[in-house]
Amino acid sequence: MNPMRRTGYLSSLVFGLVVGGWGEASVQPVPLGLVELRVEVELSCPSCAQGLERRLGRLNHVARVEIQGDEGCLVLVPELGENLDLGEVRDVIRNAGFQPGATWVAVVGRVAHVAGARVLTLSGDDIMLLAAGVQSDKLVAAARDRVVRVTGQVLEPEGGNVDVLHVEVFELL
């Protein structure tokens, strides 16, 4: 190897270690919010499914819509750190002539207590009520003040406007 090239390489390496922090891991903050939304919908008509895909793509903060006809569901991915209005998504599905079925989410948030209820706070003022259950109990006990990634089924609110999240799996971040 050419001595000048080696010196330049070593200088770059040392500079990178000093500027980047010697041995320190670069920790990036995790944006809170919805990561993915999956809704079961019977999509037997391909052209109708394409129309639904276009309509959902027009919603605020939607980065990607994926129709999975073989699995009978659609997947929405929001813009990073943003949330989607689940009621609005359900309304678009209904207005397109489909019936939304089970709804699953992957979200990143923090566990909190609001007015005596256990909730998962997402970005902004968005929250999801944590349903009673063993997994929710484990999540609340483990989370403390840490950011968590939670996957579970969301039920449409009955009489209220806050979605209820049934925790399936969680991970402390």
N, C-alpha and C. Protein backbone atom coordinates (compact mmCIF):
# COMPACT_ATOMS: atom_id res chain seq x y z
N MET A 1 0.85 -1.18 0.00
CA MET A 1 0.00 0.00 0.00
C MET A 1 0.89 1.23 0.00
N ASN A 2 0.54 2.21 -0.75
CA ASN A 2 1.26 3.47 -0.83
C ASN A 2 1.26 4.13 0.55
N PRO A 3 2.46 4.61 1.08
CA PRO A 3 2.52 5.22 2.41
C PRO A 3 1.58 6.42 2.55
N MET A 4 1.43 7.23 1.51
CA MET A 4 0.53 8.39 1.59
C MET A 4 -0.93 7.94 1.71
N ARG A 5 -1.27 6.90 0.97
CA ARG A 5 -2.63 6.39 1.02
C ARG A 5 -2.91 5.81 2.41
N ARG A 6 -1.94 5.06 2.97
CA ARG A 6 -2.10 4.47 4.30
C ARG A 6 -2.24 5.56 5.35
N THR A 7 -1.43 6.62 5.26
CA THR A 7 -1.50 7.71 6.22
C THR A 7 -2.86 8.41 6.13
N GLY A 8 -3.32 8.63 4.92
CA GLY A 8 -4.63 9.24 4.73
C GLY A 8 -5.74 8.38 5.31
N TYR A 9 -5.63 7.07 5.12
CA TYR A 9 -6.61 6.13 5.65
C TYR A 9 -6.61 6.16 7.17
N LEU A 10 -5.39 6.11 7.77
CA LEU A 10 -5.29 6.13 9.23
C LEU A 10 -5.79 7.44 9.80
N SER A 11 -5.47 8.55 9.14
CA SER A 11 -5.96 9.86 9.60
C SER A 11 -7.48 9.90 9.58
N SER A 12 -8.05 9.38 8.52
CA SER A 12 -9.52 9.35 8.41
C SER A 12 -10.13 8.48 9.49
N LEU A 13 -9.50 7.34 9.77
CA LEU A 13 -9.99 6.44 10.80
C LEU A 13 -9.94 7.09 12.16
N VAL A 14 -8.80 7.71 12.51
CA VAL A 14 -8.66 8.38 13.81
C VAL A 14 -9.65 9.53 13.91
N PHE A 15 -9.78 10.33 12.86
CA PHE A 15 -10.72 11.44 12.86
C PHE A 15 -12.15 10.94 13.09
N GLY A 16 -12.50 9.87 12.41
CA GLY A 16 -13.83 9.30 12.56
C GLY A 16 -14.10 8.81 13.98
N LEU A 17 -13.10 8.20 14.61
CA LEU A 17 -13.27 7.73 15.98
C LEU A 17 -13.39 8.88 16.96
N VAL A 18 -12.61 9.93 16.75
CA VAL A 18 -12.65 11.08 17.66
C VAL A 18 -13.97 11.83 17.50
N VAL A 19 -14.34 12.13 16.27
CA VAL A 19 -15.58 12.88 16.03
C VAL A 19 -16.79 12.05 16.40
N GLY A 20 -16.77 10.78 16.06
CA GLY A 20 -17.91 9.91 16.33
C GLY A 20 -18.00 9.46 17.77
N GLY A 21 -16.97 9.73 18.58
CA GLY A 21 -16.98 9.29 19.97
C GLY A 21 -16.29 7.96 20.09
N TRP A 22 -15.17 7.92 20.74
CA TRP A 22 -14.37 6.71 20.89
C TRP A 22 -15.17 5.64 21.61
N GLY A 23 -15.55 4.62 20.90
CA GLY A 23 -16.23 3.47 21.50
C GLY A 23 -17.65 3.74 21.94
N GLU A 24 -18.18 4.92 21.68
CA GLU A 24 -19.56 5.19 22.09
C GLU A 24 -20.52 4.76 20.99
N ALA A 25 -21.59 4.13 21.39
CA ALA A 25 -22.62 3.76 20.41
C ALA A 25 -23.46 4.99 20.12
N SER A 26 -23.79 5.20 18.89
CA SER A 26 -24.64 6.31 18.51
C SER A 26 -26.09 5.90 18.76
N VAL A 27 -26.74 6.54 19.73
CA VAL A 27 -28.11 6.20 20.08
C VAL A 27 -29.04 7.20 19.41
N GLN A 28 -29.89 6.72 18.55
CA GLN A 28 -30.85 7.56 17.86
C GLN A 28 -32.18 7.50 18.61
N PRO A 29 -32.82 8.65 18.85
CA PRO A 29 -34.13 8.61 19.49
C PRO A 29 -35.14 7.92 18.58
N VAL A 30 -36.01 7.16 19.19
CA VAL A 30 -37.04 6.44 18.44
C VAL A 30 -38.28 7.32 18.37
N PRO A 31 -38.76 7.65 17.17
CA PRO A 31 -39.96 8.47 17.08
C PRO A 31 -41.19 7.71 17.58
N LEU A 32 -41.99 8.38 18.39
CA LEU A 32 -43.21 7.77 18.89
C LEU A 32 -44.29 7.85 17.82
N GLY A 33 -45.16 6.87 17.80
CA GLY A 33 -46.27 6.90 16.87
C GLY A 33 -46.57 5.54 16.28
N LEU A 34 -47.43 5.55 15.31
CA LEU A 34 -47.85 4.34 14.61
C LEU A 34 -46.75 3.91 13.65
N VAL A 35 -46.42 2.63 13.67
CA VAL A 35 -45.42 2.08 12.76
C VAL A 35 -46.12 1.43 11.57
N GLU A 36 -47.17 0.66 11.86
CA GLU A 36 -47.90 -0.05 10.80
C GLU A 36 -49.32 -0.33 11.26
N LEU A 37 -50.24 -0.26 10.31
CA LEU A 37 -51.65 -0.58 10.54
C LEU A 37 -52.05 -1.65 9.54
N ARG A 38 -52.65 -2.72 10.03
CA ARG A 38 -53.09 -3.83 9.17
C ARG A 38 -54.58 -4.05 9.44
N VAL A 39 -55.38 -4.01 8.37
CA VAL A 39 -56.83 -4.17 8.50
C VAL A 39 -57.28 -5.32 7.62
N GLU A 40 -58.04 -6.25 8.21
CA GLU A 40 -58.61 -7.35 7.43
C GLU A 40 -59.77 -6.80 6.61
N VAL A 41 -59.73 -7.06 5.31
CA VAL A 41 -60.78 -6.63 4.39
C VAL A 41 -60.87 -7.68 3.29
N GLU A 42 -62.11 -8.09 2.96
CA GLU A 42 -62.26 -9.03 1.86
C GLU A 42 -62.11 -8.25 0.55
N LEU A 43 -61.07 -8.59 -0.18
CA LEU A 43 -60.71 -7.86 -1.40
C LEU A 43 -60.81 -8.76 -2.62
N SER A 44 -62.02 -9.22 -2.92
CA SER A 44 -62.20 -10.18 -4.02
C SER A 44 -62.16 -9.52 -5.40
N CYS A 45 -62.41 -8.24 -5.48
CA CYS A 45 -62.42 -7.52 -6.76
C CYS A 45 -61.13 -6.71 -6.90
N PRO A 46 -60.23 -7.11 -7.80
CA PRO A 46 -58.94 -6.42 -7.94
C PRO A 46 -59.07 -4.93 -8.28
N SER A 47 -59.99 -4.56 -9.16
CA SER A 47 -60.11 -3.14 -9.52
C SER A 47 -60.69 -2.34 -8.36
N CYS A 48 -61.59 -2.95 -7.58
CA CYS A 48 -62.13 -2.28 -6.39
C CYS A 48 -61.03 -2.08 -5.36
N ALA A 49 -60.17 -3.09 -5.22
CA ALA A 49 -59.05 -3.00 -4.29
C ALA A 49 -58.10 -1.87 -4.69
N GLN A 50 -57.89 -1.68 -5.99
CA GLN A 50 -57.03 -0.59 -6.45
C GLN A 50 -57.66 0.76 -6.13
N GLY A 51 -58.97 0.86 -6.27
CA GLY A 51 -59.67 2.09 -5.92
C GLY A 51 -59.54 2.40 -4.44
N LEU A 52 -59.67 1.37 -3.61
CA LEU A 52 -59.51 1.53 -2.17
C LEU A 52 -58.08 1.98 -1.85
N GLU A 53 -57.13 1.38 -2.52
CA GLU A 53 -55.72 1.74 -2.31
C GLU A 53 -55.50 3.23 -2.61
N ARG A 54 -56.06 3.72 -3.69
CA ARG A 54 -55.93 5.14 -4.05
C ARG A 54 -56.58 6.03 -3.00
N ARG A 55 -57.78 5.65 -2.55
CA ARG A 55 -58.48 6.46 -1.54
C ARG A 55 -57.69 6.54 -0.24
N LEU A 56 -57.17 5.40 0.20
CA LEU A 56 -56.41 5.38 1.44
C LEU A 56 -55.10 6.16 1.31
N GLY A 57 -54.52 6.13 0.12
CA GLY A 57 -53.28 6.87 -0.12
C GLY A 57 -53.46 8.38 -0.04
N ARG A 58 -54.70 8.85 -0.14
CA ARG A 58 -54.99 10.29 -0.06
C ARG A 58 -55.14 10.79 1.39
N LEU A 59 -55.21 9.87 2.34
CA LEU A 59 -55.34 10.28 3.74
C LEU A 59 -54.08 11.00 4.21
N ASN A 60 -54.25 11.90 5.17
CA ASN A 60 -53.11 12.61 5.74
C ASN A 60 -52.12 11.65 6.37
N HIS A 61 -50.86 11.90 6.16
CA HIS A 61 -49.73 11.20 6.79
C HIS A 61 -49.54 9.75 6.34
N VAL A 62 -50.17 9.34 5.24
CA VAL A 62 -49.97 7.98 4.74
C VAL A 62 -48.74 7.98 3.83
N ALA A 63 -47.75 7.16 4.20
CA ALA A 63 -46.54 7.04 3.38
C ALA A 63 -46.68 5.93 2.35
N ARG A 64 -47.39 4.84 2.75
CA ARG A 64 -47.48 3.69 1.85
C ARG A 64 -48.75 2.90 2.14
N VAL A 65 -49.39 2.42 1.08
CA VAL A 65 -50.55 1.53 1.18
C VAL A 65 -50.20 0.27 0.41
N GLU A 66 -50.44 -0.86 1.04
CA GLU A 66 -50.16 -2.14 0.37
C GLU A 66 -51.40 -3.03 0.49
N ILE A 67 -51.93 -3.46 -0.63
CA ILE A 67 -53.06 -4.38 -0.65
C ILE A 67 -52.51 -5.80 -0.71
N GLN A 68 -52.89 -6.62 0.25
CA GLN A 68 -52.46 -8.02 0.28
C GLN A 68 -53.70 -8.89 0.09
N GLY A 69 -54.12 -8.99 -1.17
CA GLY A 69 -55.35 -9.70 -1.51
C GLY A 69 -55.35 -11.15 -1.10
N ASP A 70 -54.21 -11.84 -1.24
CA ASP A 70 -54.14 -13.25 -0.87
C ASP A 70 -54.37 -13.46 0.62
N GLU A 71 -53.94 -12.48 1.43
CA GLU A 71 -54.10 -12.58 2.88
C GLU A 71 -55.38 -11.92 3.36
N GLY A 72 -56.09 -11.25 2.45
CA GLY A 72 -57.34 -10.60 2.81
C GLY A 72 -57.15 -9.42 3.74
N CYS A 73 -56.10 -8.64 3.49
CA CYS A 73 -55.89 -7.47 4.34
C CYS A 73 -55.17 -6.37 3.56
N LEU A 74 -55.14 -5.22 4.18
CA LEU A 74 -54.38 -4.11 3.63
C LEU A 74 -53.47 -3.57 4.73
N VAL A 75 -52.35 -3.01 4.32
CA VAL A 75 -51.36 -2.49 5.26
C VAL A 75 -51.14 -1.02 4.95
N LEU A 76 -51.20 -0.20 5.98
CA LEU A 76 -50.90 1.23 5.86
C LEU A 76 -49.67 1.54 6.70
N VAL A 77 -48.75 2.28 6.12
CA VAL A 77 -47.57 2.73 6.84
C VAL A 77 -47.60 4.25 6.84
N PRO A 78 -47.61 4.86 8.03
CA PRO A 78 -47.65 6.32 8.08
C PRO A 78 -46.26 6.94 7.87
N GLU A 79 -46.25 8.23 7.65
CA GLU A 79 -45.00 8.96 7.61
C GLU A 79 -44.34 8.82 8.98
N LEU A 80 -43.01 8.84 9.01
CA LEU A 80 -42.25 8.64 10.24
C LEU A 80 -42.70 9.60 11.34
N GLY A 81 -43.02 9.03 12.50
CA GLY A 81 -43.41 9.82 13.66
C GLY A 81 -44.83 10.35 13.61
N GLU A 82 -45.60 9.95 12.62
CA GLU A 82 -46.98 10.42 12.49
C GLU A 82 -47.95 9.29 12.84
N ASN A 83 -49.18 9.67 13.07
CA ASN A 83 -50.23 8.69 13.35
C ASN A 83 -51.33 8.83 12.31
N LEU A 84 -52.11 7.80 12.20
CA LEU A 84 -53.28 7.83 11.33
C LEU A 84 -54.52 7.79 12.20
N ASP A 85 -55.55 8.45 11.76
CA ASP A 85 -56.83 8.41 12.45
C ASP A 85 -57.51 7.11 12.05
N LEU A 86 -57.56 6.16 13.00
CA LEU A 86 -58.11 4.83 12.69
C LEU A 86 -59.58 4.90 12.31
N GLY A 87 -60.33 5.80 12.92
CA GLY A 87 -61.73 5.98 12.56
C GLY A 87 -61.87 6.46 11.13
N GLU A 88 -61.00 7.36 10.71
CA GLU A 88 -61.01 7.86 9.34
C GLU A 88 -60.65 6.75 8.35
N VAL A 89 -59.69 5.91 8.72
CA VAL A 89 -59.32 4.78 7.86
C VAL A 89 -60.51 3.84 7.70
N ARG A 90 -61.18 3.52 8.81
CA ARG A 90 -62.35 2.64 8.74
C ARG A 90 -63.45 3.25 7.88
N ASP A 91 -63.66 4.58 8.02
CA ASP A 91 -64.69 5.26 7.23
C ASP A 91 -64.38 5.19 5.73
N VAL A 92 -63.12 5.38 5.36
CA VAL A 92 -62.74 5.30 3.94
C VAL A 92 -63.01 3.90 3.41
N ILE A 93 -62.69 2.89 4.21
CA ILE A 93 -62.93 1.50 3.80
C ILE A 93 -64.42 1.26 3.59
N ARG A 94 -65.23 1.71 4.55
CA ARG A 94 -66.69 1.54 4.43
C ARG A 94 -67.26 2.31 3.24
N ASN A 95 -66.80 3.55 3.06
CA ASN A 95 -67.30 4.38 1.95
C ASN A 95 -66.92 3.81 0.59
N ALA A 96 -65.89 2.98 0.55
CA ALA A 96 -65.49 2.33 -0.70
C ALA A 96 -66.26 1.03 -0.93
N GLY A 97 -67.17 0.70 0.01
CA GLY A 97 -68.01 -0.48 -0.16
C GLY A 97 -67.46 -1.75 0.47
N PHE A 98 -66.47 -1.60 1.34
CA PHE A 98 -65.88 -2.76 2.02
C PHE A 98 -66.22 -2.70 3.50
N GLN A 99 -66.08 -3.82 4.18
CA GLN A 99 -66.31 -3.88 5.62
C GLN A 99 -64.97 -4.15 6.32
N PRO A 100 -64.49 -3.19 7.12
CA PRO A 100 -63.22 -3.44 7.83
C PRO A 100 -63.40 -4.53 8.88
N GLY A 101 -62.44 -5.42 8.95
CA GLY A 101 -62.47 -6.49 9.94
C GLY A 101 -61.48 -6.19 11.06
N ALA A 102 -60.83 -7.22 11.54
CA ALA A 102 -59.86 -7.07 12.62
C ALA A 102 -58.78 -6.07 12.22
N THR A 103 -58.39 -5.25 13.17
CA THR A 103 -57.39 -4.22 12.94
C THR A 103 -56.22 -4.46 13.88
N TRP A 104 -55.02 -4.52 13.31
CA TRP A 104 -53.80 -4.76 14.07
C TRP A 104 -52.85 -3.59 13.89
N VAL A 105 -52.12 -3.24 14.95
CA VAL A 105 -51.16 -2.15 14.86
C VAL A 105 -49.82 -2.56 15.44
N ALA A 106 -48.79 -1.88 14.97
CA ALA A 106 -47.49 -1.86 15.63
C ALA A 106 -47.26 -0.39 15.94
N VAL A 107 -47.06 -0.07 17.22
CA VAL A 107 -46.91 1.32 17.65
C VAL A 107 -45.71 1.45 18.58
N VAL A 108 -45.19 2.66 18.65
CA VAL A 108 -44.12 2.98 19.59
C VAL A 108 -44.64 4.09 20.48
N GLY A 109 -44.53 3.90 21.79
CA GLY A 109 -45.03 4.91 22.72
C GLY A 109 -44.52 4.71 24.12
N ARG A 110 -45.16 5.39 25.06
CA ARG A 110 -44.83 5.28 26.48
C ARG A 110 -46.12 4.97 27.25
N VAL A 111 -46.00 4.12 28.25
CA VAL A 111 -47.13 3.79 29.10
C VAL A 111 -47.36 4.95 30.07
N ALA A 112 -48.61 5.32 30.25
CA ALA A 112 -48.97 6.39 31.18
C ALA A 112 -50.32 6.07 31.81
N HIS A 113 -50.65 6.83 32.83
CA HIS A 113 -51.97 6.72 33.45
C HIS A 113 -52.68 8.05 33.24
N VAL A 114 -53.85 8.00 32.62
CA VAL A 114 -54.63 9.19 32.35
C VAL A 114 -56.02 8.97 32.91
N ALA A 115 -56.41 9.82 33.84
CA ALA A 115 -57.73 9.74 34.47
C ALA A 115 -58.01 8.33 34.99
N GLY A 116 -57.00 7.71 35.59
CA GLY A 116 -57.14 6.39 36.18
C GLY A 116 -57.07 5.23 35.19
N ALA A 117 -56.88 5.53 33.93
CA ALA A 117 -56.82 4.47 32.91
C ALA A 117 -55.38 4.31 32.43
N ARG A 118 -55.03 3.08 32.08
CA ARG A 118 -53.71 2.81 31.53
C ARG A 118 -53.76 3.05 30.03
N VAL A 119 -52.84 3.88 29.54
CA VAL A 119 -52.83 4.22 28.12
C VAL A 119 -51.41 4.12 27.58
N LEU A 120 -51.34 4.04 26.28
CA LEU A 120 -50.07 4.13 25.57
C LEU A 120 -50.09 5.48 24.87
N THR A 121 -49.17 6.37 25.24
CA THR A 121 -49.12 7.68 24.60
C THR A 121 -48.23 7.59 23.37
N LEU A 122 -48.73 8.13 22.29
CA LEU A 122 -48.01 8.13 21.02
C LEU A 122 -47.55 9.57 20.77
N SER A 123 -47.27 9.92 19.55
CA SER A 123 -46.83 11.28 19.26
C SER A 123 -48.00 12.26 19.41
N GLY A 124 -47.66 13.48 19.77
CA GLY A 124 -48.69 14.50 19.94
C GLY A 124 -49.63 14.14 21.08
N ASP A 125 -50.91 14.34 20.84
CA ASP A 125 -51.94 14.05 21.85
C ASP A 125 -52.55 12.68 21.66
N ASP A 126 -52.04 11.88 20.75
CA ASP A 126 -52.63 10.58 20.44
C ASP A 126 -52.33 9.57 21.53
N ILE A 127 -53.39 8.87 21.95
CA ILE A 127 -53.25 7.81 22.95
C ILE A 127 -54.07 6.60 22.51
N MET A 128 -53.73 5.45 23.07
CA MET A 128 -54.53 4.24 22.90
C MET A 128 -54.75 3.68 24.30
N LEU A 129 -55.98 3.35 24.61
CA LEU A 129 -56.32 2.75 25.88
C LEU A 129 -55.82 1.32 25.89
N LEU A 130 -55.13 0.91 26.95
CA LEU A 130 -54.64 -0.47 27.06
C LEU A 130 -55.75 -1.33 27.65
N ALA A 131 -56.16 -2.35 26.92
CA ALA A 131 -57.20 -3.27 27.38
C ALA A 131 -56.69 -4.06 28.58
N ALA A 132 -57.59 -4.44 29.45
CA ALA A 132 -57.22 -5.27 30.59
C ALA A 132 -56.76 -6.62 30.07
N GLY A 133 -55.73 -7.15 30.69
CA GLY A 133 -55.23 -8.45 30.28
C GLY A 133 -53.83 -8.70 30.80
N VAL A 134 -53.41 -9.94 30.73
CA VAL A 134 -52.10 -10.35 31.25
C VAL A 134 -50.97 -9.61 30.54
N GLN A 135 -51.02 -9.54 29.20
CA GLN A 135 -49.94 -8.88 28.46
C GLN A 135 -49.88 -7.38 28.78
N SER A 136 -51.03 -6.74 28.94
CA SER A 136 -51.05 -5.33 29.31
C SER A 136 -50.44 -5.15 30.70
N ASP A 137 -50.78 -6.05 31.62
CA ASP A 137 -50.21 -5.99 32.97
C ASP A 137 -48.69 -6.12 32.93
N LYS A 138 -48.20 -7.06 32.13
CA LYS A 138 -46.75 -7.25 31.99
C LYS A 138 -46.10 -6.01 31.39
N LEU A 139 -46.75 -5.43 30.39
CA LEU A 139 -46.22 -4.23 29.75
C LEU A 139 -46.11 -3.09 30.75
N VAL A 140 -47.16 -2.83 31.50
CA VAL A 140 -47.16 -1.74 32.47
C VAL A 140 -46.07 -1.95 33.53
N ALA A 141 -45.92 -3.19 34.00
CA ALA A 141 -44.91 -3.49 35.02
C ALA A 141 -43.50 -3.31 34.49
N ALA A 142 -43.27 -3.69 33.25
CA ALA A 142 -41.91 -3.65 32.68
C ALA A 142 -41.53 -2.28 32.14
N ALA A 143 -42.49 -1.54 31.64
CA ALA A 143 -42.18 -0.33 30.88
C ALA A 143 -41.63 0.81 31.73
N ARG A 144 -42.24 1.04 32.88
CA ARG A 144 -41.90 2.21 33.70
C ARG A 144 -41.89 3.45 32.83
N ASP A 145 -40.76 4.12 32.66
CA ASP A 145 -40.74 5.33 31.84
C ASP A 145 -40.03 5.11 30.51
N ARG A 146 -39.93 3.86 30.09
CA ARG A 146 -39.20 3.56 28.86
C ARG A 146 -40.12 3.59 27.64
N VAL A 147 -39.51 3.82 26.51
CA VAL A 147 -40.23 3.75 25.24
C VAL A 147 -40.42 2.28 24.90
N VAL A 148 -41.60 1.94 24.41
CA VAL A 148 -41.92 0.54 24.09
C VAL A 148 -42.49 0.45 22.68
N ARG A 149 -42.25 -0.70 22.07
CA ARG A 149 -42.89 -1.03 20.79
C ARG A 149 -43.91 -2.11 21.10
N VAL A 150 -45.15 -1.88 20.72
CA VAL A 150 -46.25 -2.78 21.04
C VAL A 150 -46.96 -3.20 19.76
N THR A 151 -47.28 -4.48 19.69
CA THR A 151 -48.08 -5.01 18.59
C THR A 151 -49.33 -5.63 19.20
N GLY A 152 -50.47 -5.34 18.60
CA GLY A 152 -51.70 -5.91 19.12
C GLY A 152 -52.90 -5.55 18.27
N GLN A 153 -54.04 -6.08 18.69
CA GLN A 153 -55.29 -5.83 17.98
C GLN A 153 -55.98 -4.62 18.58
N VAL A 154 -56.55 -3.80 17.71
CA VAL A 154 -57.26 -2.60 18.14
C VAL A 154 -58.74 -2.79 17.88
N LEU A 155 -59.54 -2.51 18.90
CA LEU A 155 -60.99 -2.58 18.74
C LEU A 155 -61.55 -1.19 18.56
N GLU A 156 -62.59 -1.09 17.75
CA GLU A 156 -63.25 0.20 17.56
C GLU A 156 -63.81 0.66 18.89
N PRO A 157 -63.67 1.94 19.17
CA PRO A 157 -64.20 2.45 20.45
C PRO A 157 -65.72 2.35 20.50
N GLU A 158 -66.22 1.94 21.65
CA GLU A 158 -67.67 1.88 21.85
C GLU A 158 -68.08 3.03 22.75
N GLY A 159 -68.75 4.00 22.19
CA GLY A 159 -69.23 5.12 22.97
C GLY A 159 -68.16 6.16 23.27
N GLY A 160 -66.92 5.89 22.96
CA GLY A 160 -65.85 6.85 23.19
C GLY A 160 -65.11 7.09 21.90
N ASN A 161 -64.04 7.84 22.01
CA ASN A 161 -63.28 8.10 20.79
C ASN A 161 -61.84 7.63 20.89
N VAL A 162 -61.54 6.82 21.91
CA VAL A 162 -60.18 6.31 22.09
C VAL A 162 -60.16 4.83 21.74
N ASP A 163 -59.28 4.46 20.81
CA ASP A 163 -59.14 3.06 20.43
C ASP A 163 -58.58 2.24 21.59
N VAL A 164 -59.02 0.99 21.68
CA VAL A 164 -58.59 0.09 22.74
C VAL A 164 -57.61 -0.91 22.15
N LEU A 165 -56.40 -0.97 22.74
CA LEU A 165 -55.34 -1.84 22.24
C LEU A 165 -55.20 -3.07 23.12
N HIS A 166 -55.37 -4.24 22.50
CA HIS A 166 -55.14 -5.52 23.17
C HIS A 166 -53.70 -5.93 22.87
N VAL A 167 -52.86 -5.84 23.87
CA VAL A 167 -51.42 -6.08 23.70
C VAL A 167 -51.18 -7.56 23.42
N GLU A 168 -50.48 -7.83 22.33
CA GLU A 168 -50.06 -9.19 21.98
C GLU A 168 -48.59 -9.39 22.34
N VAL A 169 -47.76 -8.47 21.84
CA VAL A 169 -46.31 -8.56 22.02
C VAL A 169 -45.79 -7.16 22.30
N PHE A 170 -44.78 -7.06 23.17
CA PHE A 170 -44.15 -5.75 23.38
C PHE A 170 -42.65 -5.93 23.54
N GLU A 171 -41.96 -4.84 23.28
CA GLU A 171 -40.50 -4.83 23.38
C GLU A 171 -40.08 -3.49 23.99
N LEU A 172 -39.22 -3.54 24.99
CA LEU A 172 -38.69 -2.32 25.58
C LEU A 172 -37.59 -1.78 24.67
N LEU A 173 -37.64 -0.50 24.36
CA LEU A 173 -36.63 0.10 23.48
C LEU A 173 -35.67 0.96 24.27
